[in-house]
Amino acid sequence: MTANKELPATTTGAIFTVTGICEVISLIGVVGTDIQTQACLTKISTVSNSATTDICADLDITGKTTQSRMSITGTFADAMINTAK
């Protein structure tokens, strides 16, 4: 698992790697540094055998502040939700 992940615009990055079968019960992201007030979308995807599957829709995180929390709903078509702050 990655403690902090800062990515330039239009890039992706791995936050963790799973080997074998894994059931995801919950994913919660916490903003570590204030996010600029400019277009900024985020989503979580999985990659298996070079195939990418989105596990949530894009969420606009423009202007989110430190300690803001986002989580998935469990429905792939839903965007993450802001769960705190």
Protein backbone atom coordinates (compact mmCIF):
# COMPACT_ATOMS: atom_id res chain seq x y z
CA MET A 1 0.00 0.00 0.00
CA THR A 2 1.21 3.49 -0.79
CA ALA A 3 1.18 6.03 2.03
CA ASN A 4 1.05 9.10 -0.23
CA LYS A 5 0.60 9.36 -3.98
CA GLU A 6 1.04 12.61 -5.88
CA LEU A 7 0.44 12.44 -9.61
CA PRO A 8 0.80 15.05 -12.32
CA ALA A 9 -2.27 15.74 -14.45
CA THR A 10 -3.51 13.01 -16.82
CA THR A 11 -1.46 10.24 -15.21
CA THR A 12 -2.23 7.05 -13.32
CA GLY A 13 -0.45 5.21 -10.54
CA ALA A 14 -0.73 2.01 -8.53
CA ILE A 15 -1.75 2.36 -4.89
CA PHE A 16 -1.36 -1.34 -4.12
CA THR A 17 -0.76 -4.71 -5.80
CA VAL A 18 -2.72 -7.88 -5.10
CA THR A 19 -1.53 -11.39 -5.90
CA GLY A 20 -4.24 -14.06 -5.97
CA ILE A 21 -7.93 -13.65 -5.20
CA CYS A 22 -9.03 -10.58 -3.26
CA GLU A 23 -12.43 -9.35 -2.11
CA VAL A 24 -12.60 -5.59 -1.67
CA ILE A 25 -14.96 -4.62 1.12
CA SER A 26 -14.13 -0.93 1.26
CA LEU A 27 -11.69 1.60 -0.15
CA ILE A 28 -11.21 4.98 1.50
CA GLY A 29 -8.94 7.70 0.16
CA VAL A 30 -7.72 10.57 2.33
CA VAL A 31 -6.44 13.84 0.84
CA GLY A 32 -2.94 14.50 2.20
CA THR A 33 -2.35 17.89 0.53
CA ASP A 34 -4.92 20.48 -0.55
CA ILE A 35 -5.93 19.94 -4.18
CA GLN A 36 -5.77 22.91 -6.55
CA THR A 37 -8.94 24.59 -7.71
CA GLN A 38 -8.75 23.41 -11.31
CA ALA A 39 -10.30 20.53 -13.22
CA CYS A 40 -9.36 17.36 -11.36
CA LEU A 41 -11.15 14.02 -11.76
CA THR A 42 -10.25 10.79 -10.00
CA LYS A 43 -11.43 7.18 -10.11
CA ILE A 44 -10.21 3.77 -9.04
CA SER A 45 -9.59 0.96 -11.52
CA THR A 46 -8.22 -2.56 -11.45
CA VAL A 47 -5.86 -4.10 -13.98
CA SER A 48 -5.87 -7.85 -14.59
CA ASN A 49 -4.13 -9.51 -17.54
CA SER A 50 -3.73 -6.07 -19.16
CA ALA A 51 -7.51 -5.43 -18.98
CA THR A 52 -8.61 -2.35 -17.01
CA THR A 53 -11.92 -2.28 -15.14
CA ASP A 54 -13.20 0.88 -13.46
CA ILE A 55 -14.63 0.13 -10.01
CA CYS A 56 -16.21 3.57 -9.74
CA ALA A 57 -17.04 6.50 -12.00
CA ASP A 58 -15.05 9.75 -12.09
CA LEU A 59 -15.32 12.06 -9.07
CA ASP A 60 -14.49 15.76 -9.30
CA ILE A 61 -12.05 16.41 -6.43
CA THR A 62 -11.34 20.03 -7.38
CA GLY A 63 -10.51 22.10 -4.30
CA LYS A 64 -10.65 19.22 -1.78
CA THR A 65 -8.77 20.05 1.40
CA THR A 66 -6.42 18.03 3.59
CA GLN A 67 -8.19 15.21 5.44
CA SER A 68 -11.12 15.09 2.98
CA ARG A 69 -12.16 11.45 2.59
CA MET A 70 -13.64 9.67 -0.41
CA SER A 71 -14.91 6.10 -0.59
CA ILE A 72 -16.47 3.77 -3.14
CA THR A 73 -20.11 2.67 -2.96
CA GLY A 74 -19.61 -0.82 -4.35
CA THR A 75 -21.51 -0.04 -7.57
CA PHE A 76 -19.17 0.36 -10.53
CA ALA A 77 -21.36 3.04 -12.19
CA ASP A 78 -21.32 5.27 -9.07
CA ALA A 79 -18.69 7.92 -8.47
CA MET A 80 -16.82 7.85 -5.18
CA ILE A 81 -18.54 9.78 -2.44
CA ASN A 82 -17.16 12.42 -0.12
CA THR A 83 -17.50 10.79 3.30
CA ALA A 84 -15.99 13.50 5.52
CA LYS A 85 -14.97 17.17 5.54
